Amino acid sequence: MPTFNLIRDEKVEVWLRYRVAVEAETEEEAVAKLSSSDNPDNWDCQDGIDTAAAETLFDTSVVLEPIPGSPFGTIEITNENEDELWSNAVPETVVSIPAL
């Protein structure tokens, strides 16, 4: 019986943890400083904010379900050439996206 080497890719949601030192007069002010910036990449550019690299909390990962009406799946099976063999995308909404 032949053996097939396949690849299964799963889109997941996962929490990232940032350890951040914030200079402020009070804890409330520190929280306000940190919560006013959406992008952690910008934290080190702000005065009084120092952060280490993010820690991925792998035990929080959850495989995402496809969004109804979306042409994109969240699980794909490909061969070693990365030709898509199967996806959990909603079939009637699958569209071809040209390669860049």
PDB file of N, CA and C in Angstrom:
ATOM      1  N   MET A   1       0.854  -1.173   0.000  1.00  0.00           N
ATOM      2  CA  MET A   1       0.000   0.000   0.000  1.00  0.00           C
ATOM      3  C   MET A   1       0.900   1.237   0.000  1.00  0.00           C
ATOM      4  N   PRO A   2       0.622   2.222  -0.887  1.00  0.00           N
ATOM      5  CA  PRO A   2       1.464   3.422  -0.936  1.00  0.00           C
ATOM      6  C   PRO A   2       1.276   4.317   0.285  1.00  0.00           C
ATOM      7  N   THR A   3       2.281   5.112   0.549  1.00  0.00           N
ATOM      8  CA  THR A   3       2.234   6.094   1.633  1.00  0.00           C
ATOM      9  C   THR A   3       2.264   7.484   1.008  1.00  0.00           C
ATOM     10  N   PHE A   4       1.402   8.369   1.495  1.00  0.00           N
ATOM     11  CA  PHE A   4       1.332   9.740   0.992  1.00  0.00           C
ATOM     12  C   PHE A   4       1.780  10.694   2.088  1.00  0.00           C
ATOM     13  N   ASN A   5       2.710  11.555   1.766  1.00  0.00           N
ATOM     14  CA  ASN A   5       3.172  12.573   2.707  1.00  0.00           C
ATOM     15  C   ASN A   5       2.350  13.836   2.478  1.00  0.00           C
ATOM     16  N   LEU A   6       1.491  14.132   3.422  1.00  0.00           N
ATOM     17  CA  LEU A   6       0.585  15.267   3.307  1.00  0.00           C
ATOM     18  C   LEU A   6       0.878  16.295   4.387  1.00  0.00           C
ATOM     19  N   ILE A   7       0.370  17.492   4.182  1.00  0.00           N
ATOM     20  CA  ILE A   7       0.525  18.583   5.142  1.00  0.00           C
ATOM     21  C   ILE A   7      -0.865  19.047   5.548  1.00  0.00           C
ATOM     22  N   ARG A   8      -1.117  19.164   6.847  1.00  0.00           N
ATOM     23  CA  ARG A   8      -2.383  19.712   7.349  1.00  0.00           C
ATOM     24  C   ARG A   8      -2.060  21.024   8.055  1.00  0.00           C
ATOM     25  N   ASP A   9      -2.603  22.111   7.526  1.00  0.00           N
ATOM     26  CA  ASP A   9      -2.430  23.437   8.121  1.00  0.00           C
ATOM     27  C   ASP A   9      -3.732  23.828   8.800  1.00  0.00           C
ATOM     28  N   GLU A  10      -3.633  24.365  10.006  1.00  0.00           N
ATOM     29  CA  GLU A  10      -4.804  24.806  10.760  1.00  0.00           C
ATOM     30  C   GLU A  10      -4.606  26.255  11.178  1.00  0.00           C
ATOM     31  N   LYS A  11      -5.628  27.070  10.962  1.00  0.00           N
ATOM     32  CA  LYS A  11      -5.599  28.460  11.426  1.00  0.00           C
ATOM     33  C   LYS A  11      -6.085  28.460  12.860  1.00  0.00           C
ATOM     34  N   VAL A  12      -5.294  29.064  13.741  1.00  0.00           N
ATOM     35  CA  VAL A  12      -5.630  29.034  15.163  1.00  0.00           C
ATOM     36  C   VAL A  12      -5.692  30.441  15.744  1.00  0.00           C
ATOM     37  N   GLU A  13      -6.377  30.528  16.855  1.00  0.00           N
ATOM     38  CA  GLU A  13      -6.399  31.741  17.671  1.00  0.00           C
ATOM     39  C   GLU A  13      -5.607  31.404  18.925  1.00  0.00           C
ATOM     40  N   VAL A  14      -4.737  32.315  19.330  1.00  0.00           N
ATOM     41  CA  VAL A  14      -3.895  32.049  20.495  1.00  0.00           C
ATOM     42  C   VAL A  14      -3.620  33.371  21.218  1.00  0.00           C
ATOM     43  N   TRP A  15      -3.474  33.300  22.518  1.00  0.00           N
ATOM     44  CA  TRP A  15      -3.136  34.480  23.316  1.00  0.00           C
ATOM     45  C   TRP A  15      -1.632  34.694  23.302  1.00  0.00           C
ATOM     46  N   LEU A  16      -1.217  35.962  23.246  1.00  0.00           N
ATOM     47  CA  LEU A  16       0.175  36.352  23.414  1.00  0.00           C
ATOM     48  C   LEU A  16       0.287  37.101  24.731  1.00  0.00           C
ATOM     49  N   ARG A  17       1.360  36.838  25.469  1.00  0.00           N
ATOM     50  CA  ARG A  17       1.584  37.525  26.746  1.00  0.00           C
ATOM     51  C   ARG A  17       2.796  38.443  26.603  1.00  0.00           C
ATOM     52  N   TYR A  18       2.599  39.686  26.987  1.00  0.00           N
ATOM     53  CA  TYR A  18       3.671  40.675  26.990  1.00  0.00           C
ATOM     54  C   TYR A  18       3.960  41.065  28.430  1.00  0.00           C
ATOM     55  N   ARG A  19       5.212  41.027  28.831  1.00  0.00           N
ATOM     56  CA  ARG A  19       5.621  41.528  30.143  1.00  0.00           C
ATOM     57  C   ARG A  19       6.144  42.938  29.906  1.00  0.00           C
ATOM     58  N   VAL A  20       5.489  43.901  30.545  1.00  0.00           N
ATOM     59  CA  VAL A  20       5.736  45.299  30.227  1.00  0.00           C
ATOM     60  C   VAL A  20       6.036  46.088  31.494  1.00  0.00           C
ATOM     61  N   ALA A  21       7.100  46.885  31.459  1.00  0.00           N
ATOM     62  CA  ALA A  21       7.416  47.818  32.546  1.00  0.00           C
ATOM     63  C   ALA A  21       6.960  49.201  32.093  1.00  0.00           C
ATOM     64  N   VAL A  22       6.058  49.803  32.873  1.00  0.00           N
ATOM     65  CA  VAL A  22       5.484  51.098  32.506  1.00  0.00           C
ATOM     66  C   VAL A  22       5.786  52.110  33.608  1.00  0.00           C
ATOM     67  N   GLU A  23       6.448  53.202  33.255  1.00  0.00           N
ATOM     68  CA  GLU A  23       6.699  54.286  34.211  1.00  0.00           C
ATOM     69  C   GLU A  23       5.435  55.133  34.312  1.00  0.00           C
ATOM     70  N   ALA A  24       4.919  55.281  35.545  1.00  0.00           N
ATOM     71  CA  ALA A  24       3.714  56.084  35.764  1.00  0.00           C
ATOM     72  C   ALA A  24       3.609  56.428  37.242  1.00  0.00           C
ATOM     73  N   GLU A  25       2.821  57.434  37.556  1.00  0.00           N
ATOM     74  CA  GLU A  25       2.596  57.841  38.948  1.00  0.00           C
ATOM     75  C   GLU A  25       1.746  56.823  39.702  1.00  0.00           C
ATOM     76  N   THR A  26       0.783  56.208  39.011  1.00  0.00           N
ATOM     77  CA  THR A  26      -0.112  55.233  39.650  1.00  0.00           C
ATOM     78  C   THR A  26      -0.294  54.035  38.726  1.00  0.00           C
ATOM     79  N   GLU A  27      -0.795  52.948  39.299  1.00  0.00           N
ATOM     80  CA  GLU A  27      -1.087  51.768  38.492  1.00  0.00           C
ATOM     81  C   GLU A  27      -2.159  52.085  37.448  1.00  0.00           C
ATOM     82  N   GLU A  28      -3.142  52.895  37.821  1.00  0.00           N
ATOM     83  CA  GLU A  28      -4.206  53.275  36.889  1.00  0.00           C
ATOM     84  C   GLU A  28      -3.636  54.031  35.687  1.00  0.00           C
ATOM     85  N   GLU A  29      -2.692  54.933  35.954  1.00  0.00           N
ATOM     86  CA  GLU A  29      -2.041  55.679  34.870  1.00  0.00           C
ATOM     87  C   GLU A  29      -1.245  54.726  33.972  1.00  0.00           C
ATOM     88  N   ALA A  30      -0.587  53.742  34.584  1.00  0.00           N
ATOM     89  CA  ALA A  30       0.178  52.755  33.811  1.00  0.00           C
ATOM     90  C   ALA A  30      -0.750  51.954  32.899  1.00  0.00           C
ATOM     91  N   VAL A  31      -1.895  51.535  33.439  1.00  0.00           N
ATOM     92  CA  VAL A  31      -2.874  50.786  32.633  1.00  0.00           C
ATOM     93  C   VAL A  31      -3.378  51.662  31.488  1.00  0.00           C
ATOM     94  N   ALA A  32      -3.657  52.930  31.773  1.00  0.00           N
ATOM     95  CA  ALA A  32      -4.136  53.850  30.737  1.00  0.00           C
ATOM     96  C   ALA A  32      -3.098  54.016  29.625  1.00  0.00           C
ATOM     97  N   LYS A  33      -1.823  54.130  29.993  1.00  0.00           N
ATOM     98  CA  LYS A  33      -0.755  54.257  28.997  1.00  0.00           C
ATOM     99  C   LYS A  33      -0.699  53.029  28.100  1.00  0.00           C
ATOM    100  N   LEU A  34      -0.760  51.868  28.725  1.00  0.00           N
ATOM    101  CA  LEU A  34      -0.623  50.623  27.981  1.00  0.00           C
ATOM    102  C   LEU A  34      -1.852  50.345  27.124  1.00  0.00           C
ATOM    103  N   SER A  35      -3.028  50.651  27.626  1.00  0.00           N
ATOM    104  CA  SER A  35      -4.252  50.349  26.883  1.00  0.00           C
ATOM    105  C   SER A  35      -4.527  51.357  25.775  1.00  0.00           C
ATOM    106  N   SER A  36      -3.839  52.499  25.777  1.00  0.00           N
ATOM    107  CA  SER A  36      -4.069  53.505  24.736  1.00  0.00           C
ATOM    108  C   SER A  36      -3.342  53.174  23.439  1.00  0.00           C
ATOM    109  N   SER A  37      -2.462  52.205  23.469  1.00  0.00           N
ATOM    110  CA  SER A  37      -1.719  51.804  22.273  1.00  0.00           C
ATOM    111  C   SER A  37      -2.139  50.402  21.869  1.00  0.00           C
ATOM    112  N   ASP A  38      -2.715  50.291  20.663  1.00  0.00           N
ATOM    113  CA  ASP A  38      -3.186  48.991  20.179  1.00  0.00           C
ATOM    114  C   ASP A  38      -2.051  48.087  19.722  1.00  0.00           C
ATOM    115  N   ASN A  39      -0.980  48.667  19.238  1.00  0.00           N
ATOM    116  CA  ASN A  39       0.063  47.903  18.585  1.00  0.00           C
ATOM    117  C   ASN A  39       1.280  47.737  19.492  1.00  0.00           C
ATOM    118  N   PRO A  40       1.525  46.518  19.969  1.00  0.00           N
ATOM    119  CA  PRO A  40       2.693  46.282  20.831  1.00  0.00           C
ATOM    120  C   PRO A  40       4.020  46.651  20.172  1.00  0.00           C
ATOM    121  N   ASP A  41       4.078  46.643  18.835  1.00  0.00           N
ATOM    122  CA  ASP A  41       5.311  47.029  18.151  1.00  0.00           C
ATOM    123  C   ASP A  41       5.672  48.489  18.413  1.00  0.00           C
ATOM    124  N   ASN A  42       4.692  49.292  18.788  1.00  0.00           N
ATOM    125  CA  ASN A  42       4.934  50.717  19.046  1.00  0.00           C
ATOM    126  C   ASN A  42       5.292  51.014  20.500  1.00  0.00           C
ATOM    127  N   TRP A  43       5.156  50.055  21.390  1.00  0.00           N
ATOM    128  CA  TRP A  43       5.379  50.314  22.810  1.00  0.00           C
ATOM    129  C   TRP A  43       6.780  50.815  23.098  1.00  0.00           C
ATOM    130  N   ASP A  44       7.775  50.187  22.495  1.00  0.00           N
ATOM    131  CA  ASP A  44       9.158  50.585  22.774  1.00  0.00           C
ATOM    132  C   ASP A  44       9.482  51.981  22.242  1.00  0.00           C
ATOM    133  N   CYS A  45       8.652  52.505  21.356  1.00  0.00           N
ATOM    134  CA  CYS A  45       8.847  53.861  20.830  1.00  0.00           C
ATOM    135  C   CYS A  45       8.266  54.912  21.765  1.00  0.00           C
ATOM    136  N   GLN A  46       7.515  54.486  22.773  1.00  0.00           N
ATOM    137  CA  GLN A  46       6.877  55.419  23.697  1.00  0.00           C
ATOM    138  C   GLN A  46       7.741  55.581  24.946  1.00  0.00           C
ATOM    139  N   ASP A  47       7.845  56.798  25.412  1.00  0.00           N
ATOM    140  CA  ASP A  47       8.604  57.062  26.637  1.00  0.00           C
ATOM    141  C   ASP A  47       7.967  56.349  27.817  1.00  0.00           C
ATOM    142  N   GLY A  48       8.800  55.716  28.619  1.00  0.00           N
ATOM    143  CA  GLY A  48       8.317  55.091  29.844  1.00  0.00           C
ATOM    144  C   GLY A  48       7.690  53.726  29.681  1.00  0.00           C
ATOM    145  N   ILE A  49       7.797  53.137  28.490  1.00  0.00           N
ATOM    146  CA  ILE A  49       7.267  51.784  28.286  1.00  0.00           C
ATOM    147  C   ILE A  49       8.400  50.912  27.776  1.00  0.00           C
ATOM    148  N   ASP A  50       8.642  49.806  28.468  1.00  0.00           N
ATOM    149  CA  ASP A  50       9.696  48.868  28.093  1.00  0.00           C
ATOM    150  C   ASP A  50       9.096  47.470  28.107  1.00  0.00           C
ATOM    151  N   THR A  51       9.272  46.731  27.022  1.00  0.00           N
ATOM    152  CA  THR A  51       8.672  45.403  26.932  1.00  0.00           C
ATOM    153  C   THR A  51       9.680  44.382  26.426  1.00  0.00           C
ATOM    154  N   ALA A  52       9.462  43.145  26.813  1.00  0.00           N
ATOM    155  CA  ALA A  52      10.260  42.025  26.313  1.00  0.00           C
ATOM    156  C   ALA A  52       9.491  41.389  25.153  1.00  0.00           C
ATOM    157  N   ALA A  53      10.086  40.418  24.514  1.00  0.00           N
ATOM    158  CA  ALA A  53       9.417  39.717  23.420  1.00  0.00           C
ATOM    159  C   ALA A  53       8.152  39.035  23.930  1.00  0.00           C
ATOM    160  N   ALA A  54       7.187  38.913  23.047  1.00  0.00           N
ATOM    161  CA  ALA A  54       5.925  38.271  23.411  1.00  0.00           C
ATOM    162  C   ALA A  54       6.147  36.786  23.670  1.00  0.00           C
ATOM    163  N   GLU A  55       5.373  36.261  24.589  1.00  0.00           N
ATOM    164  CA  GLU A  55       5.379  34.834  24.902  1.00  0.00           C
ATOM    165  C   GLU A  55       4.079  34.254  24.347  1.00  0.00           C
ATOM    166  N   THR A  56       4.174  33.251  23.481  1.00  0.00           N
ATOM    167  CA  THR A  56       2.983  32.607  22.937  1.00  0.00           C
ATOM    168  C   THR A  56       2.478  31.586  23.941  1.00  0.00           C
ATOM    169  N   LEU A  57       1.218  31.712  24.324  1.00  0.00           N
ATOM    170  CA  LEU A  57       0.609  30.790  25.291  1.00  0.00           C
ATOM    171  C   LEU A  57      -0.050  29.655  24.512  1.00  0.00           C
ATOM    172  N   PHE A  58       0.769  28.667  24.138  1.00  0.00           N
ATOM    173  CA  PHE A  58       0.313  27.598  23.261  1.00  0.00           C
ATOM    174  C   PHE A  58      -0.870  26.818  23.825  1.00  0.00           C
ATOM    175  N   ASP A  59      -0.978  26.736  25.150  1.00  0.00           N
ATOM    176  CA  ASP A  59      -2.085  25.978  25.736  1.00  0.00           C
ATOM    177  C   ASP A  59      -3.429  26.685  25.569  1.00  0.00           C
ATOM    178  N   THR A  60      -3.433  27.898  25.008  1.00  0.00           N
ATOM    179  CA  THR A  60      -4.692  28.607  24.762  1.00  0.00           C
ATOM    180  C   THR A  60      -5.137  28.504  23.307  1.00  0.00           C
ATOM    181  N   SER A  61      -4.370  27.798  22.467  1.00  0.00           N
ATOM    182  CA  SER A  61      -4.697  27.781  21.040  1.00  0.00           C
ATOM    183  C   SER A  61      -5.979  27.003  20.768  1.00  0.00           C
ATOM    184  N   VAL A  62      -6.764  27.555  19.856  1.00  0.00           N
ATOM    185  CA  VAL A  62      -8.044  26.970  19.453  1.00  0.00           C
ATOM    186  C   VAL A  62      -8.089  27.014  17.930  1.00  0.00           C
ATOM    187  N   VAL A  63      -8.425  25.883  17.289  1.00  0.00           N
ATOM    188  CA  VAL A  63      -8.586  25.869  15.841  1.00  0.00           C
ATOM    189  C   VAL A  63      -9.855  26.647  15.506  1.00  0.00           C
ATOM    190  N   LEU A  64      -9.733  27.595  14.589  1.00  0.00           N
ATOM    191  CA  LEU A  64     -10.860  28.441  14.221  1.00  0.00           C
ATOM    192  C   LEU A  64     -11.791  27.728  13.249  1.00  0.00           C
ATOM    193  N   GLU A  65     -13.058  28.059  13.332  1.00  0.00           N
ATOM    194  CA  GLU A  65     -14.060  27.563  12.389  1.00  0.00           C
ATOM    195  C   GLU A  65     -14.149  28.556  11.236  1.00  0.00           C
ATOM    196  N   PRO A  66     -14.518  28.087  10.034  1.00  0.00           N
ATOM    197  CA  PRO A  66     -14.676  29.031   8.924  1.00  0.00           C
ATOM    198  C   PRO A  66     -15.780  30.039   9.230  1.00  0.00           C
ATOM    199  N   ILE A  67     -15.620  31.244   8.747  1.00  0.00           N
ATOM    200  CA  ILE A  67     -16.635  32.279   8.913  1.00  0.00           C
ATOM    201  C   ILE A  67     -17.698  32.053   7.848  1.00  0.00           C
ATOM    202  N   PRO A  68     -18.963  31.931   8.250  1.00  0.00           N
ATOM    203  CA  PRO A  68     -20.022  31.720   7.251  1.00  0.00           C
ATOM    204  C   PRO A  68     -20.004  32.819   6.185  1.00  0.00           C
ATOM    205  N   GLY A  69     -20.091  32.398   4.933  1.00  0.00           N
ATOM    206  CA  GLY A  69     -20.083  33.353   3.830  1.00  0.00           C
ATOM    207  C   GLY A  69     -18.702  33.781   3.383  1.00  0.00           C
ATOM    208  N   SER A  70     -17.665  33.342   4.091  1.00  0.00           N
ATOM    209  CA  SER A  70     -16.296  33.704   3.735  1.00  0.00           C
ATOM    210  C   SER A  70     -15.722  32.655   2.790  1.00  0.00           C
ATOM    211  N   PRO A  71     -14.913  33.073   1.815  1.00  0.00           N
ATOM    212  CA  PRO A  71     -14.317  32.101   0.899  1.00  0.00           C
ATOM    213  C   PRO A  71     -13.078  31.414   1.466  1.00  0.00           C
ATOM    214  N   PHE A  72     -12.726  31.723   2.702  1.00  0.00           N
ATOM    215  CA  PHE A  72     -11.488  31.194   3.264  1.00  0.00           C
ATOM    216  C   PHE A  72     -11.765  30.132   4.313  1.00  0.00           C
ATOM    217  N   GLY A  73     -11.058  29.014   4.215  1.00  0.00           N
ATOM    218  CA  GLY A  73     -11.180  27.961   5.206  1.00  0.00           C
ATOM    219  C   GLY A  73     -10.203  28.170   6.342  1.00  0.00           C
ATOM    220  N   THR A  74     -10.268  27.277   7.308  1.00  0.00           N
ATOM    221  CA  THR A  74      -9.358  27.353   8.446  1.00  0.00           C
ATOM    222  C   THR A  74      -8.546  26.071   8.605  1.00  0.00           C
ATOM    223  N   ILE A  75      -8.851  25.074   7.790  1.00  0.00           N
ATOM    224  CA  ILE A  75      -8.058  23.843   7.751  1.00  0.00           C
ATOM    225  C   ILE A  75      -7.824  23.517   6.281  1.00  0.00           C
ATOM    226  N   GLU A  76      -6.589  23.237   5.929  1.00  0.00           N
ATOM    227  CA  GLU A  76      -6.246  22.865   4.563  1.00  0.00           C
ATOM    228  C   GLU A  76      -5.337  21.651   4.585  1.00  0.00           C
ATOM    229  N   ILE A  77      -5.534  20.776   3.625  1.00  0.00           N
ATOM    230  CA  ILE A  77      -4.630  19.639   3.436  1.00  0.00           C
ATOM    231  C   ILE A  77      -4.000  19.806   2.062  1.00  0.00           C
ATOM    232  N   THR A  78      -2.662  19.753   2.030  1.00  0.00           N
ATOM    233  CA  THR A  78      -1.922  19.894   0.782  1.00  0.00           C
ATOM    234  C   THR A  78      -0.946  18.738   0.639  1.00  0.00           C
ATOM    235  N   ASN A  79      -0.433  18.585  -0.579  1.00  0.00           N
ATOM    236  CA  ASN A  79       0.637  17.609  -0.764  1.00  0.00           C
ATOM    237  C   ASN A  79       1.968  18.314  -0.533  1.00  0.00           C
ATOM    238  N   GLU A  80       3.057  17.599  -0.732  1.00  0.00           N
ATOM    239  CA  GLU A  80       4.378  18.185  -0.468  1.00  0.00           C
ATOM    240  C   GLU A  80       4.702  19.369  -1.380  1.00  0.00           C
ATOM    241  N   ASN A  81       4.030  19.447  -2.544  1.00  0.00           N
ATOM    242  CA  ASN A  81       4.208  20.589  -3.450  1.00  0.00           C
ATOM    243  C   ASN A  81       3.295  21.750  -3.068  1.00  0.00           C
ATOM    244  N   GLU A  82       2.574  21.572  -1.968  1.00  0.00           N
ATOM    245  CA  GLU A  82       1.614  22.545  -1.443  1.00  0.00           C
ATOM    246  C   GLU A  82       0.443  22.790  -2.387  1.00  0.00           C
ATOM    247  N   ASP A  83       0.097  21.765  -3.193  1.00  0.00           N
ATOM    248  CA  ASP A  83      -1.132  21.807  -3.979  1.00  0.00           C
ATOM    249  C   ASP A  83      -2.272  21.484  -3.032  1.00  0.00           C
ATOM    250  N   GLU A  84      -3.284  22.346  -2.987  1.00  0.00           N
ATOM    251  CA  GLU A  84      -4.397  22.126  -2.061  1.00  0.00           C
ATOM    252  C   GLU A  84      -5.224  20.921  -2.508  1.00  0.00           C
ATOM    253  N   LEU A  85      -5.402  19.975  -1.592  1.00  0.00           N
ATOM    254  CA  LEU A  85      -6.185  18.779  -1.858  1.00  0.00           C
ATOM    255  C   LEU A  85      -7.556  18.852  -1.208  1.00  0.00           C
ATOM    256  N   TRP A  86      -7.643  19.577  -0.094  1.00  0.00           N
ATOM    257  CA  TRP A  86      -8.909  19.690   0.648  1.00  0.00           C
ATOM    258  C   TRP A  86      -8.862  20.923   1.528  1.00  0.00           C
ATOM    259  N   SER A  87     -10.032  21.506   1.749  1.00  0.00           N
ATOM    260  CA  SER A  87     -10.155  22.650   2.647  1.00  0.00           C
ATOM    261  C   SER A  87     -11.550  22.624   3.247  1.00  0.00           C
ATOM    262  N   ASN A  88     -11.692  23.172   4.450  1.00  0.00           N
ATOM    263  CA  ASN A  88     -13.024  23.253   5.046  1.00  0.00           C
ATOM    264  C   ASN A  88     -13.709  24.575   4.702  1.00  0.00           C
ATOM    265  N   ALA A  89     -13.225  25.261   3.663  1.00  0.00           N
ATOM    266  CA  ALA A  89     -13.894  26.483   3.188  1.00  0.00           C
ATOM    267  C   ALA A  89     -15.292  26.117   2.706  1.00  0.00           C
ATOM    268  N   VAL A  90     -16.206  27.061   2.818  1.00  0.00           N
ATOM    269  CA  VAL A  90     -17.570  26.835   2.350  1.00  0.00           C
ATOM    270  C   VAL A  90     -17.523  26.736   0.823  1.00  0.00           C
ATOM    271  N   PRO A  91     -17.908  25.574   0.235  1.00  0.00           N
ATOM    272  CA  PRO A  91     -17.703  25.337  -1.201  1.00  0.00           C
ATOM    273  C   PRO A  91     -18.284  26.400  -2.132  1.00  0.00           C
ATOM    274  N   GLU A  92     -19.487  26.885  -1.862  1.00  0.00           N
ATOM    275  CA  GLU A  92     -20.096  27.833  -2.796  1.00  0.00           C
ATOM    276  C   GLU A  92     -19.449  29.212  -2.765  1.00  0.00           C
ATOM    277  N   THR A  93     -18.553  29.449  -1.822  1.00  0.00           N
ATOM    278  CA  THR A  93     -17.910  30.763  -1.748  1.00  0.00           C
ATOM    279  C   THR A  93     -16.423  30.705  -2.078  1.00  0.00           C
ATOM    280  N   VAL A  94     -15.930  29.540  -2.474  1.00  0.00           N
ATOM    281  CA  VAL A  94     -14.503  29.415  -2.764  1.00  0.00           C
ATOM    282  C   VAL A  94     -14.165  30.248  -4.000  1.00  0.00           C
ATOM    283  N   VAL A  95     -13.141  31.064  -3.878  1.00  0.00           N
ATOM    284  CA  VAL A  95     -12.678  31.881  -4.998  1.00  0.00           C
ATOM    285  C   VAL A  95     -11.199  31.623  -5.204  1.00  0.00           C
ATOM    286  N   SER A  96     -10.757  31.832  -6.401  1.00  0.00           N
ATOM    287  CA  SER A  96      -9.343  31.667  -6.710  1.00  0.00           C
ATOM    288  C   SER A  96      -8.643  33.000  -6.490  1.00  0.00           C
ATOM    289  N   ILE A  97      -7.577  32.983  -5.720  1.00  0.00           N
ATOM    290  CA  ILE A  97      -6.798  34.188  -5.445  1.00  0.00           C
ATOM    291  C   ILE A  97      -5.503  34.081  -6.249  1.00  0.00           C
ATOM    292  N   PRO A  98      -5.244  35.029  -7.135  1.00  0.00           N
ATOM    293  CA  PRO A  98      -4.013  34.932  -7.930  1.00  0.00           C
ATOM    294  C   PRO A  98      -2.766  35.077  -7.063  1.00  0.00           C
ATOM    295  N   ALA A  99      -1.730  34.364  -7.435  1.00  0.00           N
ATOM    296  CA  ALA A  99      -0.451  34.454  -6.721  1.00  0.00           C
ATOM    297  C   ALA A  99       0.190  35.801  -7.016  1.00  0.00           C
ATOM    298  N   LEU A 100       0.925  36.308  -6.040  1.00  0.00           N
ATOM    299  CA  LEU A 100       1.617  37.595  -6.232  1.00  0.00           C
ATOM    300  C   LEU A 100       2.929  37.402  -6.929  1.00  0.00           C
TER     301      LEU A 100
END
